[in-house]
N, C-alpha and C. Protein backbone atom coordinates (compact mmCIF):
# COMPACT_ATOMS: atom_id res chain seq x y z
N MET A 1 11.96 -11.79 -8.01
CA MET A 1 10.64 -11.16 -8.02
C MET A 1 9.59 -12.25 -7.90
N ASP A 2 8.59 -11.98 -7.11
CA ASP A 2 7.49 -12.92 -6.95
C ASP A 2 6.61 -12.83 -8.19
N ASP A 3 6.47 -13.94 -8.90
CA ASP A 3 5.73 -13.94 -10.16
C ASP A 3 4.26 -13.61 -10.01
N SER A 4 3.64 -13.99 -8.89
CA SER A 4 2.20 -13.79 -8.75
C SER A 4 1.81 -12.35 -8.44
N THR A 5 2.71 -11.59 -7.80
CA THR A 5 2.35 -10.23 -7.41
C THR A 5 3.11 -9.16 -8.16
N GLY A 6 4.25 -9.52 -8.74
CA GLY A 6 5.08 -8.52 -9.39
C GLY A 6 5.87 -7.68 -8.41
N ILE A 7 5.83 -8.06 -7.14
CA ILE A 7 6.54 -7.31 -6.10
C ILE A 7 7.93 -7.92 -5.93
N PRO A 8 8.99 -7.10 -5.91
CA PRO A 8 10.33 -7.64 -5.72
C PRO A 8 10.42 -8.44 -4.42
N ASP A 9 11.32 -9.42 -4.42
CA ASP A 9 11.48 -10.29 -3.26
C ASP A 9 11.70 -9.51 -1.97
N ASN A 10 12.46 -8.42 -2.04
CA ASN A 10 12.74 -7.66 -0.82
C ASN A 10 11.53 -6.89 -0.30
N LEU A 11 10.43 -6.88 -1.06
CA LEU A 11 9.23 -6.17 -0.62
C LEU A 11 8.04 -7.12 -0.47
N LYS A 12 8.27 -8.43 -0.58
CA LYS A 12 7.17 -9.39 -0.51
C LYS A 12 6.34 -9.20 0.75
N ASP A 13 7.00 -9.14 1.89
CA ASP A 13 6.29 -8.88 3.14
C ASP A 13 6.29 -7.38 3.30
N GLU A 14 5.26 -6.73 2.76
CA GLU A 14 5.24 -5.28 2.61
C GLU A 14 5.39 -4.51 3.91
N ARG A 15 5.08 -5.10 5.04
CA ARG A 15 5.24 -4.38 6.30
C ARG A 15 6.53 -4.78 7.02
N SER A 16 7.17 -5.86 6.58
CA SER A 16 8.42 -6.30 7.21
C SER A 16 9.48 -5.21 7.05
N GLY A 17 10.00 -4.77 8.15
CA GLY A 17 10.99 -3.70 8.11
C GLY A 17 10.38 -2.33 8.02
N TYR A 18 9.05 -2.24 7.94
CA TYR A 18 8.37 -0.97 7.80
C TYR A 18 7.37 -0.75 8.93
N GLU A 19 7.47 -1.55 10.01
CA GLU A 19 6.53 -1.40 11.11
C GLU A 19 6.64 0.03 11.65
N GLY A 20 5.52 0.68 11.77
CA GLY A 20 5.50 2.05 12.26
C GLY A 20 5.88 3.08 11.21
N ALA A 21 6.19 2.62 10.00
CA ALA A 21 6.56 3.55 8.94
C ALA A 21 5.32 4.21 8.36
N SER A 22 5.51 5.40 7.88
CA SER A 22 4.42 6.13 7.25
C SER A 22 4.71 6.23 5.75
N PRO A 23 3.71 6.59 4.96
CA PRO A 23 3.98 6.80 3.54
C PRO A 23 5.08 7.85 3.32
N GLY A 24 5.12 8.85 4.17
CA GLY A 24 6.19 9.85 4.06
C GLY A 24 7.56 9.24 4.28
N ASP A 25 7.65 8.27 5.20
CA ASP A 25 8.91 7.58 5.43
C ASP A 25 9.35 6.83 4.17
N VAL A 26 8.40 6.22 3.50
CA VAL A 26 8.71 5.50 2.26
C VAL A 26 9.24 6.48 1.21
N LEU A 27 8.60 7.64 1.10
CA LEU A 27 9.04 8.64 0.12
C LEU A 27 10.48 9.09 0.38
N ARG A 28 10.88 9.14 1.64
CA ARG A 28 12.22 9.61 1.99
C ARG A 28 13.31 8.54 1.87
N ARG A 29 12.92 7.29 1.61
CA ARG A 29 13.91 6.20 1.52
C ARG A 29 14.75 6.35 0.27
N ASP A 30 16.07 6.39 0.45
CA ASP A 30 16.99 6.48 -0.69
C ASP A 30 17.34 5.12 -1.25
N ASP A 31 17.09 4.06 -0.47
CA ASP A 31 17.48 2.72 -0.90
C ASP A 31 16.40 2.04 -1.74
N LEU A 32 15.27 2.71 -1.97
CA LEU A 32 14.21 2.17 -2.81
C LEU A 32 14.07 3.02 -4.06
N SER A 33 13.90 2.36 -5.18
CA SER A 33 13.67 3.10 -6.43
C SER A 33 12.24 3.66 -6.41
N ARG A 34 11.97 4.55 -7.33
CA ARG A 34 10.61 5.10 -7.45
C ARG A 34 9.61 3.99 -7.68
N ASP A 35 9.95 3.05 -8.56
CA ASP A 35 9.03 1.95 -8.86
C ASP A 35 8.79 1.07 -7.63
N GLU A 36 9.83 0.82 -6.84
CA GLU A 36 9.67 0.02 -5.63
C GLU A 36 8.79 0.74 -4.62
N LYS A 37 8.97 2.05 -4.51
CA LYS A 37 8.13 2.84 -3.60
C LYS A 37 6.66 2.75 -4.03
N ILE A 38 6.44 2.87 -5.33
CA ILE A 38 5.07 2.80 -5.85
C ILE A 38 4.48 1.41 -5.58
N GLN A 39 5.25 0.36 -5.81
CA GLN A 39 4.75 -1.00 -5.57
C GLN A 39 4.41 -1.19 -4.10
N LEU A 40 5.27 -0.71 -3.22
CA LEU A 40 5.02 -0.84 -1.79
C LEU A 40 3.77 -0.07 -1.38
N LEU A 41 3.65 1.16 -1.85
CA LEU A 41 2.49 1.97 -1.52
C LEU A 41 1.21 1.40 -2.12
N ARG A 42 1.29 0.84 -3.31
CA ARG A 42 0.10 0.20 -3.91
C ARG A 42 -0.34 -0.99 -3.06
N GLN A 43 0.62 -1.76 -2.54
CA GLN A 43 0.28 -2.89 -1.68
C GLN A 43 -0.38 -2.38 -0.40
N TRP A 44 0.15 -1.31 0.16
CA TRP A 44 -0.46 -0.72 1.36
C TRP A 44 -1.87 -0.25 1.04
N GLU A 45 -2.05 0.37 -0.14
CA GLU A 45 -3.37 0.83 -0.54
C GLU A 45 -4.36 -0.34 -0.57
N GLN A 46 -3.95 -1.44 -1.20
CA GLN A 46 -4.81 -2.61 -1.28
C GLN A 46 -5.10 -3.17 0.11
N ASP A 47 -4.09 -3.25 0.95
CA ASP A 47 -4.27 -3.75 2.31
C ASP A 47 -5.26 -2.88 3.09
N LEU A 48 -5.13 -1.57 2.94
CA LEU A 48 -6.03 -0.66 3.65
C LEU A 48 -7.46 -0.79 3.13
N ARG A 49 -7.62 -0.94 1.83
CA ARG A 49 -8.97 -1.12 1.28
C ARG A 49 -9.59 -2.42 1.79
N GLU A 50 -8.80 -3.48 1.86
CA GLU A 50 -9.31 -4.74 2.39
C GLU A 50 -9.66 -4.61 3.88
N GLU A 51 -8.85 -3.86 4.61
CA GLU A 51 -9.12 -3.63 6.03
C GLU A 51 -10.43 -2.85 6.21
N MET A 52 -10.67 -1.89 5.33
CA MET A 52 -11.91 -1.11 5.40
C MET A 52 -13.12 -1.98 5.13
N VAL A 53 -13.02 -2.87 4.15
CA VAL A 53 -14.12 -3.78 3.84
C VAL A 53 -14.37 -4.70 5.04
N ALA A 54 -13.31 -5.22 5.62
CA ALA A 54 -13.45 -6.11 6.78
C ALA A 54 -14.13 -5.38 7.94
N GLU A 55 -13.76 -4.12 8.16
CA GLU A 55 -14.39 -3.34 9.23
C GLU A 55 -15.88 -3.15 8.97
N GLU A 56 -16.24 -2.91 7.71
CA GLU A 56 -17.65 -2.76 7.36
C GLU A 56 -18.43 -4.04 7.65
N GLU A 57 -17.73 -5.16 7.59
CA GLU A 57 -18.36 -6.45 7.84
C GLU A 57 -18.14 -6.92 9.28
N ASN A 58 -17.76 -5.97 10.14
CA ASN A 58 -17.52 -6.21 11.57
C ASN A 58 -16.42 -7.23 11.83
N MET A 59 -15.43 -7.27 10.96
CA MET A 59 -14.27 -8.11 11.17
C MET A 59 -13.07 -7.20 11.39
N VAL A 60 -12.89 -6.76 12.62
CA VAL A 60 -11.84 -5.81 12.94
C VAL A 60 -10.48 -6.52 12.94
N SER A 61 -9.51 -5.90 12.31
CA SER A 61 -8.17 -6.46 12.23
C SER A 61 -7.50 -6.45 13.59
N ALA A 62 -6.81 -7.52 13.90
CA ALA A 62 -6.07 -7.61 15.16
C ALA A 62 -4.87 -6.67 15.14
N GLU A 63 -4.35 -6.40 13.95
CA GLU A 63 -3.19 -5.53 13.81
C GLU A 63 -3.45 -4.49 12.73
N PRO A 64 -4.19 -3.41 13.07
CA PRO A 64 -4.43 -2.38 12.07
C PRO A 64 -3.11 -1.74 11.61
N MET A 65 -3.08 -1.27 10.39
CA MET A 65 -1.84 -0.76 9.81
C MET A 65 -1.37 0.55 10.45
N GLY A 66 -2.29 1.34 10.96
CA GLY A 66 -1.88 2.58 11.61
C GLY A 66 -1.58 3.72 10.66
N ILE A 67 -1.94 3.57 9.40
CA ILE A 67 -1.81 4.65 8.42
C ILE A 67 -3.14 4.80 7.72
N THR A 68 -3.32 5.94 7.06
CA THR A 68 -4.61 6.18 6.40
C THR A 68 -4.49 6.01 4.89
N LEU A 69 -5.60 5.66 4.28
CA LEU A 69 -5.65 5.54 2.83
C LEU A 69 -5.32 6.88 2.18
N ASP A 70 -5.81 7.97 2.76
CA ASP A 70 -5.52 9.29 2.20
C ASP A 70 -4.02 9.57 2.16
N ALA A 71 -3.31 9.16 3.21
CA ALA A 71 -1.87 9.39 3.27
C ALA A 71 -1.15 8.57 2.19
N VAL A 72 -1.60 7.35 1.98
CA VAL A 72 -0.99 6.49 0.96
C VAL A 72 -1.27 7.07 -0.43
N LEU A 73 -2.50 7.47 -0.68
CA LEU A 73 -2.86 8.03 -1.99
C LEU A 73 -2.10 9.34 -2.25
N HIS A 74 -1.91 10.14 -1.22
CA HIS A 74 -1.16 11.39 -1.36
C HIS A 74 0.30 11.08 -1.71
N ALA A 75 0.89 10.08 -1.06
CA ALA A 75 2.27 9.70 -1.35
C ALA A 75 2.40 9.21 -2.79
N LEU A 76 1.44 8.41 -3.23
CA LEU A 76 1.45 7.94 -4.62
C LEU A 76 1.36 9.12 -5.59
N GLN A 77 0.54 10.09 -5.25
CA GLN A 77 0.40 11.28 -6.09
C GLN A 77 1.73 12.05 -6.15
N GLN A 78 2.42 12.14 -5.01
CA GLN A 78 3.70 12.84 -4.98
C GLN A 78 4.74 12.15 -5.85
N LEU A 79 4.63 10.84 -5.98
CA LEU A 79 5.55 10.09 -6.84
C LEU A 79 5.13 10.15 -8.31
N GLY A 80 3.99 10.76 -8.58
CA GLY A 80 3.51 10.86 -9.94
C GLY A 80 2.92 9.57 -10.45
N ALA A 81 2.52 8.69 -9.53
CA ALA A 81 1.94 7.41 -9.92
C ALA A 81 0.54 7.66 -10.47
N GLU A 82 0.27 7.05 -11.60
CA GLU A 82 -1.05 7.19 -12.20
C GLU A 82 -2.05 6.31 -11.45
N SER A 83 -3.29 6.72 -11.48
CA SER A 83 -4.33 5.91 -10.86
C SER A 83 -4.45 4.61 -11.61
N GLU A 84 -4.66 3.54 -10.85
CA GLU A 84 -4.82 2.24 -11.48
C GLU A 84 -6.23 2.11 -12.01
N PRO A 85 -6.39 1.65 -13.25
CA PRO A 85 -7.73 1.50 -13.81
C PRO A 85 -8.48 0.36 -13.12
N HIS A 86 -9.77 0.55 -12.96
CA HIS A 86 -10.62 -0.47 -12.37
C HIS A 86 -11.78 -0.72 -13.33
N ALA A 87 -12.12 -1.97 -13.49
CA ALA A 87 -13.19 -2.34 -14.41
C ALA A 87 -14.52 -1.77 -13.95
N ALA A 88 -14.78 -1.87 -12.66
CA ALA A 88 -16.03 -1.36 -12.10
C ALA A 88 -15.77 -0.93 -10.67
N PRO A 89 -16.50 0.07 -10.19
CA PRO A 89 -16.27 0.52 -8.83
C PRO A 89 -16.64 -0.60 -7.82
N THR A 90 -15.72 -0.79 -6.87
CA THR A 90 -15.96 -1.76 -5.80
C THR A 90 -15.46 -1.16 -4.51
N LYS A 91 -15.66 -1.85 -3.43
CA LYS A 91 -15.15 -1.40 -2.15
C LYS A 91 -13.62 -1.45 -2.12
N HIS A 92 -13.04 -2.20 -3.05
CA HIS A 92 -11.59 -2.31 -3.11
C HIS A 92 -10.97 -1.24 -3.99
N GLY A 93 -11.74 -0.25 -4.36
CA GLY A 93 -11.20 0.84 -5.14
C GLY A 93 -11.70 0.83 -6.52
C-alpha cells in the first residue's frame, strides 16, 4: 500500500487498466473489494474535480477522463460510501 495516499499498490495508477472504464464498470468488477472500489472512485472524483478547476482556469487537459463527476458520485452512493467531510467548501469539493 502506498503510504502517502492509502491506495493499494494495484490501484496506484488509478486509470491503468481502466482506460475507457466507467464507474459502472468498476461496480461490476468481482476482483475488487468494496473498499478498493470506493478508493478507486474517490481518486477519480478528486481527479475530475481537479480537471474542472483546471478547465475554469483555461488549462484544458490533454487527456480528459471521459467520465462525469455525477456518474462517479452515483457509483459511490450505490456502494453506500459516505460523503467525505470537508473543512470548508472549495472547488475541490
